[in-house]
Structure formats: C-alpha cells, structure tokens
Amino acid sequence: MHNDWQRQRKNYQYQYNRYAEQYRHSHRGNGSRYLNDYWRRWLAQQNRWNNHRWDYYNNAFFYTPYNYRYSYGGNWYYTNSYGVSFLQQAIRDGYREGWYAGRADRHDRWRFDYRGSYAYMDASFGYYGYYTDLGTYQYYFRQGFERGYRDGYYNRYQYGRYDNGAAMILPAILSAIFTAALY
C-alpha cells in the first residue's frame, strides 16, 4: 500500500498545476486561494509523513489484532481501533476541506459543484499509505467533503459547526457515515 501511494504522489503536482490554471482562467480568486492553501497544507502533511520513520516493531497498529468491522461497498472489512480512528479522521478532514471549498465557491459566486473541486477529486489529504487502502480512505474523505461543502456553500450548519476558527463535523453525522462495531 505505502509503495503504491508513493508512486501515485508523483502525479499530484501535474494535477494541481492543471487545476490552478483553470481557477486562474475562470477568475475565481477565492477558489484559487483555497486551492493554493489546500496544496500547501497537503505538501506540508506529506513532508511530515515522509520524514517520519515507522518503527514496525513498536507501532501498536501493526501488532494490535483486528477487533472492529465495518461495511463499505457491500463488503465487510476488519481493522483495529487505529484504523477506525484513521477513517474517522478522513471524514473530519473531508468535512473541513469541503467547508472551505464551498465557502470559496459561494464567495466567488460560482455554481454549486463539490465534485468539481480539486480536493474532492484528490481526496487524499491526510492519507499516507498505512492503515487502509487509498480507495477506502477517499470514499470516507469524500463523504465528509460533500457535507462540508454543502454547509460552506449555503452558509449553514446542518452537518457541522464552525468553532474556534475550524469547521468540524457533528459527531452524530460522523457516526452515521462510518459505523464500526466490535466483533
């Protein structure tokens, strides 16, 4: 998983440049600023993870048995509490990024289009190649992103709240998106 993720990262710069150019041509100042901020945060996070040295022998995730199961795409998957926390964080990160993207589109008077957002299509913010595969991570990130985008675009708090300078998904919504049960 991790090696595949590292190979895939090389395409991200190309994709980012392509979207940045589209934003500039469409005169979307707020959207362009959001995209640049997203890219800056994404790179910083990736650099932190790349500089982190994994100690497989002392990292609890790698030796903690799977004791949770969750359903995704009609199948059951198994993980431990670290995997559960990681997927919940994907939803939280997705909500926050969606809220900022929706707000930027609203301020630019751009049409409602969460699927057209670079962050939605990318859906890898917070992913570093461990605990789950990229596709599963992207699914849950996008679930949070869509709800955050709706709240940000329509300037409401149906799925989350804005508190102390950060957009946060409501715990009840998080639980409705991702439910893991002990087995």
N, C-alpha and C. Protein backbone atom coordinates (compact mmCIF):
# COMPACT_ATOMS: atom_id res chain seq x y z
N MET A 1 0.82 -1.19 0.00
CA MET A 1 0.00 0.00 0.00
C MET A 1 0.87 1.26 0.00
N HIS A 2 1.80 1.31 0.92
CA HIS A 2 2.61 2.52 1.06
C HIS A 2 3.43 2.78 -0.21
N ASN A 3 4.03 1.76 -0.80
CA ASN A 3 4.83 1.96 -2.02
C ASN A 3 3.98 2.43 -3.19
N ASP A 4 2.77 1.87 -3.31
CA ASP A 4 1.85 2.33 -4.36
C ASP A 4 1.52 3.80 -4.16
N TRP A 5 1.30 4.17 -2.91
CA TRP A 5 0.96 5.56 -2.60
C TRP A 5 2.11 6.49 -2.99
N GLN A 6 3.33 6.10 -2.71
CA GLN A 6 4.49 6.93 -3.04
C GLN A 6 4.61 7.12 -4.56
N ARG A 7 4.34 6.08 -5.33
CA ARG A 7 4.39 6.21 -6.79
C ARG A 7 3.29 7.14 -7.29
N GLN A 8 2.13 7.05 -6.69
CA GLN A 8 0.99 7.85 -7.13
C GLN A 8 1.19 9.34 -6.84
N ARG A 9 1.92 9.65 -5.81
CA ARG A 9 2.13 11.04 -5.42
C ARG A 9 2.77 11.87 -6.53
N LYS A 10 3.53 11.23 -7.40
CA LYS A 10 4.23 11.96 -8.47
C LYS A 10 3.27 12.63 -9.44
N ASN A 11 2.08 12.11 -9.59
CA ASN A 11 1.09 12.69 -10.50
C ASN A 11 0.38 13.89 -9.88
N TYR A 12 0.49 14.06 -8.59
CA TYR A 12 -0.28 15.10 -7.93
C TYR A 12 0.16 16.51 -8.33
N GLN A 13 1.42 16.72 -8.52
CA GLN A 13 1.90 18.06 -8.92
C GLN A 13 1.32 18.44 -10.28
N TYR A 14 1.29 17.52 -11.19
CA TYR A 14 0.72 17.78 -12.52
C TYR A 14 -0.76 18.14 -12.39
N GLN A 15 -1.51 17.36 -11.63
CA GLN A 15 -2.94 17.62 -11.45
C GLN A 15 -3.18 18.97 -10.79
N TYR A 16 -2.40 19.27 -9.78
CA TYR A 16 -2.56 20.55 -9.09
C TYR A 16 -2.32 21.71 -10.06
N ASN A 17 -1.25 21.65 -10.83
CA ASN A 17 -0.95 22.73 -11.79
C ASN A 17 -2.08 22.91 -12.79
N ARG A 18 -2.64 21.83 -13.24
CA ARG A 18 -3.75 21.90 -14.20
C ARG A 18 -4.96 22.60 -13.58
N TYR A 19 -5.32 22.25 -12.35
CA TYR A 19 -6.46 22.89 -11.71
C TYR A 19 -6.18 24.34 -11.35
N ALA A 20 -4.97 24.63 -10.92
CA ALA A 20 -4.62 26.02 -10.59
C ALA A 20 -4.79 26.91 -11.82
N GLU A 21 -4.40 26.41 -12.96
CA GLU A 21 -4.56 27.18 -14.21
C GLU A 21 -6.04 27.39 -14.54
N GLN A 22 -6.85 26.39 -14.34
CA GLN A 22 -8.29 26.52 -14.59
C GLN A 22 -8.91 27.57 -13.67
N TYR A 23 -8.52 27.57 -12.42
CA TYR A 23 -9.06 28.56 -11.48
C TYR A 23 -8.65 29.97 -11.91
N ARG A 24 -7.41 30.14 -12.33
CA ARG A 24 -6.96 31.46 -12.76
C ARG A 24 -7.73 31.94 -13.97
N HIS A 25 -7.98 31.07 -14.93
CA HIS A 25 -8.69 31.46 -16.15
C HIS A 25 -10.16 31.76 -15.89
N SER A 26 -10.74 31.17 -14.88
CA SER A 26 -12.15 31.42 -14.59
C SER A 26 -12.34 32.58 -13.61
N HIS A 27 -11.25 33.24 -13.24
CA HIS A 27 -11.29 34.42 -12.35
C HIS A 27 -11.97 34.10 -11.03
N ARG A 28 -11.58 33.00 -10.45
CA ARG A 28 -12.11 32.57 -9.16
C ARG A 28 -11.05 32.83 -8.09
N GLY A 29 -11.01 34.05 -7.60
CA GLY A 29 -9.99 34.45 -6.64
C GLY A 29 -10.03 33.66 -5.35
N ASN A 30 -11.21 33.53 -4.75
CA ASN A 30 -11.32 32.78 -3.50
C ASN A 30 -11.05 31.30 -3.71
N GLY A 31 -11.55 30.75 -4.81
CA GLY A 31 -11.30 29.35 -5.12
C GLY A 31 -9.82 29.09 -5.36
N SER A 32 -9.17 30.02 -6.03
CA SER A 32 -7.74 29.89 -6.30
C SER A 32 -6.94 29.94 -5.00
N ARG A 33 -7.32 30.84 -4.10
CA ARG A 33 -6.65 30.92 -2.80
C ARG A 33 -6.87 29.64 -2.00
N TYR A 34 -8.11 29.13 -2.03
CA TYR A 34 -8.37 27.88 -1.33
C TYR A 34 -7.52 26.75 -1.91
N LEU A 35 -7.47 26.64 -3.23
CA LEU A 35 -6.69 25.59 -3.86
C LEU A 35 -5.22 25.69 -3.46
N ASN A 36 -4.67 26.90 -3.47
CA ASN A 36 -3.27 27.08 -3.06
C ASN A 36 -3.06 26.70 -1.60
N ASP A 37 -4.00 27.08 -0.75
CA ASP A 37 -3.89 26.72 0.67
C ASP A 37 -3.98 25.20 0.86
N TYR A 38 -4.91 24.60 0.14
CA TYR A 38 -5.05 23.14 0.22
C TYR A 38 -3.75 22.47 -0.21
N TRP A 39 -3.19 22.90 -1.32
CA TRP A 39 -1.96 22.30 -1.83
C TRP A 39 -0.81 22.50 -0.85
N ARG A 40 -0.72 23.68 -0.27
CA ARG A 40 0.34 23.95 0.71
C ARG A 40 0.20 23.04 1.93
N ARG A 41 -1.02 22.89 2.43
CA ARG A 41 -1.25 22.01 3.58
C ARG A 41 -0.99 20.55 3.21
N TRP A 42 -1.39 20.14 2.01
CA TRP A 42 -1.19 18.78 1.55
C TRP A 42 0.31 18.46 1.47
N LEU A 43 1.08 19.37 0.88
CA LEU A 43 2.53 19.15 0.78
C LEU A 43 3.19 19.10 2.15
N ALA A 44 2.79 20.00 3.04
CA ALA A 44 3.38 20.02 4.38
C ALA A 44 3.08 18.72 5.11
N GLN A 45 1.86 18.25 4.98
CA GLN A 45 1.50 17.00 5.63
C GLN A 45 2.27 15.83 5.04
N GLN A 46 2.41 15.78 3.73
CA GLN A 46 3.16 14.70 3.10
C GLN A 46 4.63 14.74 3.52
N ASN A 47 5.19 15.93 3.61
CA ASN A 47 6.58 16.05 4.06
C ASN A 47 6.76 15.55 5.49
N ARG A 48 5.78 15.86 6.35
CA ARG A 48 5.85 15.36 7.74
C ARG A 48 5.83 13.84 7.75
N TRP A 49 4.96 13.24 6.95
CA TRP A 49 4.87 11.78 6.94
C TRP A 49 6.09 11.14 6.30
N ASN A 50 6.63 11.78 5.27
CA ASN A 50 7.81 11.22 4.62
C ASN A 50 9.02 11.28 5.53
N ASN A 51 9.07 12.25 6.41
CA ASN A 51 10.19 12.36 7.34
C ASN A 51 10.01 11.51 8.59
N HIS A 52 8.83 10.97 8.75
CA HIS A 52 8.53 10.11 9.90
C HIS A 52 9.06 8.71 9.62
N ARG A 53 9.75 8.16 10.55
CA ARG A 53 10.28 6.81 10.42
C ARG A 53 9.37 5.84 11.17
N TRP A 54 8.82 4.91 10.44
CA TRP A 54 7.93 3.93 11.05
C TRP A 54 8.74 2.84 11.73
N ASP A 55 8.43 2.59 12.97
CA ASP A 55 9.05 1.51 13.72
C ASP A 55 8.02 0.38 13.79
N TYR A 56 8.08 -0.52 12.85
CA TYR A 56 7.08 -1.60 12.75
C TYR A 56 7.03 -2.47 13.99
N TYR A 57 8.13 -2.58 14.67
CA TYR A 57 8.17 -3.45 15.84
C TYR A 57 7.56 -2.81 17.07
N ASN A 58 7.47 -1.49 17.08
CA ASN A 58 6.94 -0.80 18.25
C ASN A 58 5.70 0.03 17.95
N ASN A 59 5.15 -0.06 16.76
CA ASN A 59 3.93 0.67 16.42
C ASN A 59 2.75 -0.25 16.70
N ALA A 60 1.90 0.17 17.61
CA ALA A 60 0.80 -0.68 18.06
C ALA A 60 -0.13 -1.11 16.93
N PHE A 61 -0.30 -0.29 15.91
CA PHE A 61 -1.20 -0.68 14.82
C PHE A 61 -0.80 -2.01 14.21
N PHE A 62 0.48 -2.22 14.03
CA PHE A 62 0.95 -3.38 13.29
C PHE A 62 0.87 -4.68 14.08
N TYR A 63 0.70 -4.61 15.39
CA TYR A 63 0.57 -5.85 16.14
C TYR A 63 -0.72 -5.93 16.95
N THR A 64 -1.56 -4.92 16.90
CA THR A 64 -2.85 -4.97 17.56
C THR A 64 -3.81 -5.76 16.68
N PRO A 65 -4.46 -6.77 17.23
CA PRO A 65 -5.36 -7.57 16.39
C PRO A 65 -6.58 -6.76 15.95
N TYR A 66 -7.12 -7.17 14.83
CA TYR A 66 -8.35 -6.54 14.34
C TYR A 66 -9.50 -6.93 15.26
N ASN A 67 -10.19 -5.93 15.75
CA ASN A 67 -11.31 -6.19 16.64
C ASN A 67 -12.55 -5.37 16.27
N TYR A 68 -12.49 -4.68 15.13
CA TYR A 68 -13.62 -3.92 14.62
C TYR A 68 -13.94 -4.38 13.22
N ARG A 69 -15.19 -4.26 12.86
CA ARG A 69 -15.57 -4.49 11.47
C ARG A 69 -16.48 -3.35 11.03
N TYR A 70 -16.43 -3.06 9.73
CA TYR A 70 -17.28 -2.03 9.16
C TYR A 70 -17.64 -2.43 7.75
N SER A 71 -18.75 -1.90 7.28
CA SER A 71 -19.24 -2.22 5.96
C SER A 71 -18.92 -1.07 5.01
N TYR A 72 -18.43 -1.44 3.84
CA TYR A 72 -18.10 -0.44 2.82
C TYR A 72 -18.27 -1.10 1.46
N GLY A 73 -19.08 -0.51 0.59
CA GLY A 73 -19.26 -1.04 -0.75
C GLY A 73 -19.89 -2.43 -0.77
N GLY A 74 -20.71 -2.74 0.22
CA GLY A 74 -21.38 -4.03 0.26
C GLY A 74 -20.54 -5.17 0.83
N ASN A 75 -19.35 -4.87 1.29
CA ASN A 75 -18.47 -5.89 1.88
C ASN A 75 -18.13 -5.51 3.31
N TRP A 76 -17.74 -6.51 4.08
CA TRP A 76 -17.28 -6.27 5.44
C TRP A 76 -15.75 -6.22 5.46
N TYR A 77 -15.23 -5.27 6.22
CA TYR A 77 -13.78 -5.12 6.38
C TYR A 77 -13.46 -5.12 7.87
N TYR A 78 -12.24 -5.48 8.18
CA TYR A 78 -11.81 -5.60 9.56
C TYR A 78 -10.61 -4.71 9.81
N THR A 79 -10.59 -4.12 10.98
CA THR A 79 -9.48 -3.25 11.37
C THR A 79 -9.41 -3.21 12.89
N ASN A 80 -8.49 -2.44 13.39
CA ASN A 80 -8.40 -2.24 14.84
C ASN A 80 -8.76 -0.79 15.16
N SER A 81 -8.59 -0.40 16.41
CA SER A 81 -9.00 0.95 16.82
C SER A 81 -8.20 2.03 16.10
N TYR A 82 -6.97 1.72 15.70
CA TYR A 82 -6.16 2.70 14.97
C TYR A 82 -6.74 2.93 13.57
N GLY A 83 -7.17 1.87 12.92
CA GLY A 83 -7.80 2.00 11.61
C GLY A 83 -9.12 2.75 11.69
N VAL A 84 -9.90 2.49 12.74
CA VAL A 84 -11.17 3.19 12.94
C VAL A 84 -10.90 4.69 13.10
N SER A 85 -9.95 5.05 13.94
CA SER A 85 -9.62 6.46 14.16
C SER A 85 -9.14 7.13 12.88
N PHE A 86 -8.38 6.40 12.08
CA PHE A 86 -7.85 6.93 10.83
C PHE A 86 -8.98 7.25 9.85
N LEU A 87 -9.95 6.35 9.71
CA LEU A 87 -11.07 6.60 8.79
C LEU A 87 -11.99 7.70 9.31
N GLN A 88 -12.16 7.78 10.62
CA GLN A 88 -12.94 8.88 11.18
C GLN A 88 -12.24 10.22 10.92
N GLN A 89 -10.91 10.22 11.00
CA GLN A 89 -10.17 11.44 10.71
C GLN A 89 -10.31 11.82 9.23
N ALA A 90 -10.41 10.85 8.35
CA ALA A 90 -10.63 11.13 6.93
C ALA A 90 -11.93 11.89 6.74
N ILE A 91 -12.97 11.50 7.45
CA ILE A 91 -14.26 12.18 7.37
C ILE A 91 -14.14 13.59 7.92
N ARG A 92 -13.47 13.74 9.05
CA ARG A 92 -13.29 15.07 9.65
C ARG A 92 -12.51 15.99 8.72
N ASP A 93 -11.40 15.48 8.16
CA ASP A 93 -10.61 16.28 7.23
C ASP A 93 -11.42 16.63 5.99
N GLY A 94 -12.19 15.67 5.49
CA GLY A 94 -13.02 15.93 4.32
C GLY A 94 -14.05 17.01 4.59
N TYR A 95 -14.69 16.95 5.75
CA TYR A 95 -15.68 17.97 6.09
C TYR A 95 -15.03 19.35 6.12
N ARG A 96 -13.91 19.45 6.80
CA ARG A 96 -13.23 20.75 6.92
C ARG A 96 -12.83 21.29 5.55
N GLU A 97 -12.23 20.45 4.71
CA GLU A 97 -11.82 20.90 3.38
C GLU A 97 -13.03 21.25 2.53
N GLY A 98 -14.08 20.48 2.64
CA GLY A 98 -15.30 20.78 1.90
C GLY A 98 -15.92 22.10 2.32
N TRP A 99 -15.90 22.36 3.61
CA TRP A 99 -16.47 23.62 4.11
C TRP A 99 -15.72 24.81 3.53
N TYR A 100 -14.39 24.73 3.53
CA TYR A 100 -13.59 25.82 2.97
C TYR A 100 -13.79 25.96 1.46
N ALA A 101 -13.89 24.85 0.75
CA ALA A 101 -14.10 24.90 -0.70
C ALA A 101 -15.48 25.45 -1.03
N GLY A 102 -16.49 25.03 -0.30
CA GLY A 102 -17.85 25.53 -0.52
C GLY A 102 -17.96 27.02 -0.24
N ARG A 103 -17.32 27.45 0.82
CA ARG A 103 -17.33 28.88 1.15
C ARG A 103 -16.63 29.70 0.07
N ALA A 104 -15.51 29.19 -0.44
CA ALA A 104 -14.79 29.89 -1.50
C ALA A 104 -15.64 29.99 -2.76
N ASP A 105 -16.33 28.91 -3.13
CA ASP A 105 -17.19 28.96 -4.31
C ASP A 105 -18.36 29.92 -4.11
N ARG A 106 -18.92 29.94 -2.92
CA ARG A 106 -20.02 30.87 -2.64
C ARG A 106 -19.53 32.31 -2.76
N HIS A 107 -18.37 32.61 -2.21
CA HIS A 107 -17.83 33.97 -2.27
C HIS A 107 -17.47 34.38 -3.70
N ASP A 108 -17.09 33.40 -4.52
CA ASP A 108 -16.80 33.68 -5.93
C ASP A 108 -18.06 33.71 -6.78
N ARG A 109 -19.20 33.42 -6.15
CA ARG A 109 -20.48 33.30 -6.86
C ARG A 109 -20.40 32.26 -7.96
N TRP A 110 -19.71 31.19 -7.64
CA TRP A 110 -19.55 30.07 -8.55
C TRP A 110 -20.67 29.08 -8.29
N ARG A 111 -21.00 28.29 -9.27
CA ARG A 111 -22.09 27.32 -9.13
C ARG A 111 -21.74 26.27 -8.06
N PHE A 112 -22.78 25.67 -7.50
CA PHE A 112 -22.61 24.59 -6.53
C PHE A 112 -22.04 23.38 -7.26
N ASP A 113 -20.82 22.97 -6.89
CA ASP A 113 -20.17 21.88 -7.62
C ASP A 113 -19.06 21.26 -6.77
N TYR A 114 -19.46 20.51 -5.75
CA TYR A 114 -18.43 19.90 -4.89
C TYR A 114 -17.62 18.86 -5.64
N ARG A 115 -18.23 18.16 -6.60
CA ARG A 115 -17.50 17.14 -7.35
C ARG A 115 -16.43 17.75 -8.27
N GLY A 116 -16.57 19.02 -8.60
CA GLY A 116 -15.59 19.70 -9.45
C GLY A 116 -14.42 20.26 -8.68
N SER A 117 -14.45 20.15 -7.37
CA SER A 117 -13.36 20.68 -6.55
C SER A 117 -12.16 19.75 -6.63
N TYR A 118 -10.99 20.33 -6.72
CA TYR A 118 -9.76 19.55 -6.77
C TYR A 118 -9.62 18.68 -5.53
N ALA A 119 -9.94 19.24 -4.36
CA ALA A 119 -9.79 18.48 -3.12
C ALA A 119 -10.73 17.28 -3.09
N TYR A 120 -11.92 17.40 -3.64
CA TYR A 120 -12.86 16.27 -3.70
C TYR A 120 -12.32 15.18 -4.62
N MET A 121 -11.83 15.58 -5.78
CA MET A 121 -11.31 14.60 -6.73
C MET A 121 -10.04 13.93 -6.20
N ASP A 122 -9.20 14.72 -5.58
CA ASP A 122 -7.95 14.21 -5.00
C ASP A 122 -8.26 13.30 -3.80
N ALA A 123 -8.96 13.83 -2.83
CA ALA A 123 -9.42 13.11 -1.64
C ALA A 123 -8.31 12.33 -0.94
N SER A 124 -7.10 12.87 -0.96
CA SER A 124 -6.00 12.16 -0.30
C SER A 124 -5.39 12.96 0.84
N PHE A 125 -5.98 14.09 1.19
CA PHE A 125 -5.46 14.88 2.28
C PHE A 125 -5.53 14.05 3.56
N GLY A 126 -4.40 13.86 4.20
CA GLY A 126 -4.34 13.06 5.43
C GLY A 126 -3.95 11.62 5.21
N TYR A 127 -3.90 11.18 3.97
CA TYR A 127 -3.55 9.79 3.69
C TYR A 127 -2.04 9.66 3.52
N TYR A 128 -1.47 8.62 4.09
CA TYR A 128 -0.03 8.43 3.98
C TYR A 128 0.36 6.99 3.70
N GLY A 129 -0.60 6.18 3.29
CA GLY A 129 -0.25 4.85 2.83
C GLY A 129 -0.31 3.74 3.85
N TYR A 130 -0.80 4.00 5.04
CA TYR A 130 -0.91 2.97 6.06
C TYR A 130 -2.34 2.90 6.57
N TYR A 131 -2.68 1.85 7.25
CA TYR A 131 -3.94 1.60 7.93
C TYR A 131 -5.09 1.19 7.01
N THR A 132 -5.13 1.68 5.78
CA THR A 132 -6.19 1.31 4.84
C THR A 132 -5.71 1.61 3.43
N ASP A 133 -6.44 1.11 2.46
CA ASP A 133 -6.08 1.41 1.08
C ASP A 133 -6.62 2.80 0.70
N LEU A 134 -6.06 3.37 -0.33
CA LEU A 134 -6.42 4.73 -0.75
C LEU A 134 -7.89 4.84 -1.14
N GLY A 135 -8.43 3.86 -1.83
CA GLY A 135 -9.82 3.93 -2.27
C GLY A 135 -10.79 4.04 -1.10
N THR A 136 -10.57 3.27 -0.06
CA THR A 136 -11.43 3.34 1.12
C THR A 136 -11.29 4.70 1.79
N TYR A 137 -10.05 5.16 1.92
CA TYR A 137 -9.81 6.47 2.52
C TYR A 137 -10.53 7.56 1.72
N GLN A 138 -10.40 7.53 0.40
CA GLN A 138 -11.02 8.55 -0.45
C GLN A 138 -12.54 8.53 -0.31
N TYR A 139 -13.13 7.34 -0.22
CA TYR A 139 -14.58 7.26 -0.05
C TYR A 139 -15.02 8.03 1.19
N TYR A 140 -14.38 7.78 2.31
CA TYR A 140 -14.80 8.44 3.54
C TYR A 140 -14.43 9.92 3.55
N PHE A 141 -13.31 10.28 2.99
CA PHE A 141 -12.97 11.70 2.86
C PHE A 141 -14.05 12.43 2.07
N ARG A 142 -14.47 11.83 0.96
CA ARG A 142 -15.48 12.47 0.10
C ARG A 142 -16.84 12.56 0.79
N GLN A 143 -17.16 11.60 1.63
CA GLN A 143 -18.41 11.68 2.38
C GLN A 143 -18.41 12.92 3.28
N GLY A 144 -17.32 13.14 3.96
CA GLY A 144 -17.20 14.35 4.78
C GLY A 144 -17.14 15.61 3.93
N PHE A 145 -16.41 15.55 2.83
CA PHE A 145 -16.24 16.72 1.96
C PHE A 145 -17.59 17.20 1.44
N GLU A 146 -18.41 16.30 0.94
CA GLU A 146 -19.69 16.70 0.38
C GLU A 146 -20.53 17.44 1.42
N ARG A 147 -20.58 16.93 2.61
CA ARG A 147 -21.38 17.57 3.67
C ARG A 147 -20.78 18.92 4.08
N GLY A 148 -19.46 18.98 4.16
CA GLY A 148 -18.82 20.25 4.49
C GLY A 148 -19.03 21.28 3.40
N TYR A 149 -18.96 20.85 2.16
CA TYR A 149 -19.16 21.76 1.04
C TYR A 149 -20.58 22.34 1.08
N ARG A 150 -21.56 21.49 1.34
CA ARG A 150 -22.95 21.96 1.42
C ARG A 150 -23.10 23.01 2.52
N ASP A 151 -22.54 22.74 3.67
CA ASP A 151 -22.62 23.72 4.76
C ASP A 151 -21.89 25.01 4.41
N GLY A 152 -20.71 24.92 3.85
CA GLY A 152 -19.94 26.11 3.50
C GLY A 152 -20.58 26.90 2.38
N TYR A 153 -21.08 26.22 1.37
CA TYR A 153 -21.67 26.90 0.22
C TYR A 153 -22.97 27.61 0.60
N TYR A 154 -23.80 26.94 1.38
CA TYR A 154 -25.09 27.51 1.75
C TYR A 154 -25.03 28.28 3.07
N ASN A 155 -23.84 28.43 3.63
CA ASN A 155 -23.63 29.18 4.86
C ASN A 155 -24.58 28.72 5.97
N ARG A 156 -24.54 27.43 6.23
CA ARG A 156 -25.40 26.84 7.26
C ARG A 156 -24.59 25.83 8.06
N TYR A 157 -25.24 25.25 9.06
CA TYR A 157 -24.57 24.27 9.92
C TYR A 157 -25.47 23.06 10.11
N GLN A 158 -25.81 22.41 9.02
CA GLN A 158 -26.64 21.21 9.07
C GLN A 158 -25.83 19.99 9.48
N TYR A 159 -24.60 19.89 9.00
CA TYR A 159 -23.77 18.72 9.25
C TYR A 159 -22.61 18.98 10.21
N GLY A 160 -22.36 20.20 10.52
CA GLY A 160 -21.22 20.51 11.38
C GLY A 160 -21.36 21.88 12.00
N ARG A 161 -20.25 22.38 12.50
CA ARG A 161 -20.23 23.71 13.11
C ARG A 161 -18.87 24.34 12.84
N TYR A 162 -18.82 25.63 13.05
CA TYR A 162 -17.58 26.37 12.90
C TYR A 162 -17.25 26.92 14.28
N ASP A 163 -16.13 26.47 14.83
CA ASP A 163 -15.82 26.81 16.21
C ASP A 163 -14.32 27.05 16.34
N ASN A 164 -13.94 28.14 16.97
CA ASN A 164 -12.53 28.46 17.20
C ASN A 164 -11.69 28.42 15.92
N GLY A 165 -12.25 28.95 14.84
CA GLY A 165 -11.51 29.04 13.58
C GLY A 165 -11.42 27.77 12.78
N ALA A 166 -12.23 26.76 13.11
CA ALA A 166 -12.17 25.50 12.36
C ALA A 166 -13.57 24.95 12.13
N ALA A 167 -13.78 24.37 10.96
CA ALA A 167 -15.03 23.70 10.63
C ALA A 167 -14.93 22.26 11.12
N MET A 168 -15.95 21.81 11.85
CA MET A 168 -15.94 20.46 12.42
C MET A 168 -17.27 19.77 12.16
N ILE A 169 -17.20 18.52 11.75
CA ILE A 169 -18.40 17.74 11.52
C ILE A 169 -19.01 17.34 12.86
N LEU A 170 -20.33 17.27 12.91
CA LEU A 170 -21.00 16.87 14.13
C LEU A 170 -20.76 15.38 14.40
N PRO A 171 -20.59 15.01 15.66
CA PRO A 171 -20.35 13.59 15.98
C PRO A 171 -21.46 12.66 15.49
N ALA A 172 -22.71 13.10 15.54
CA ALA A 172 -23.82 12.25 15.08
C ALA A 172 -23.72 12.00 13.58
N ILE A 173 -23.29 12.99 12.82
CA ILE A 173 -23.13 12.83 11.37
C ILE A 173 -21.95 11.91 11.09
N LEU A 174 -20.88 12.08 11.82
CA LEU A 174 -19.71 11.21 11.67
C LEU A 174 -20.11 9.75 11.91
N SER A 175 -20.87 9.51 12.94
CA SER A 175 -21.31 8.15 13.26
C SER A 175 -22.27 7.60 12.20
N ALA A 176 -23.06 8.46 11.59
CA ALA A 176 -23.97 8.00 10.54
C ALA A 176 -23.20 7.61 9.27
N ILE A 177 -22.09 8.27 9.01
CA ILE A 177 -21.27 7.97 7.82
C ILE A 177 -20.45 6.71 8.04
N PHE A 178 -19.84 6.61 9.19
CA PHE A 178 -18.93 5.49 9.46
C PHE A 178 -19.28 4.85 10.78
N THR A 179 -19.70 3.61 10.72
CA THR A 179 -20.01 2.86 11.92
C THR A 179 -19.15 1.60 11.94
N ALA A 180 -18.36 1.50 12.97
CA ALA A 180 -17.52 0.31 13.18
C ALA A 180 -18.01 -0.37 14.44
N ALA A 181 -18.13 -1.66 14.37
CA ALA A 181 -18.62 -2.41 15.52
C ALA A 181 -17.56 -3.40 15.98
N LEU A 182 -17.46 -3.55 17.30
CA LEU A 182 -16.57 -4.58 17.85
C LEU A 182 -17.12 -5.94 17.45
N TYR A 183 -16.23 -6.85 17.20
CA TYR A 183 -16.68 -8.21 16.90
C TYR A 183 -15.93 -9.21 17.72
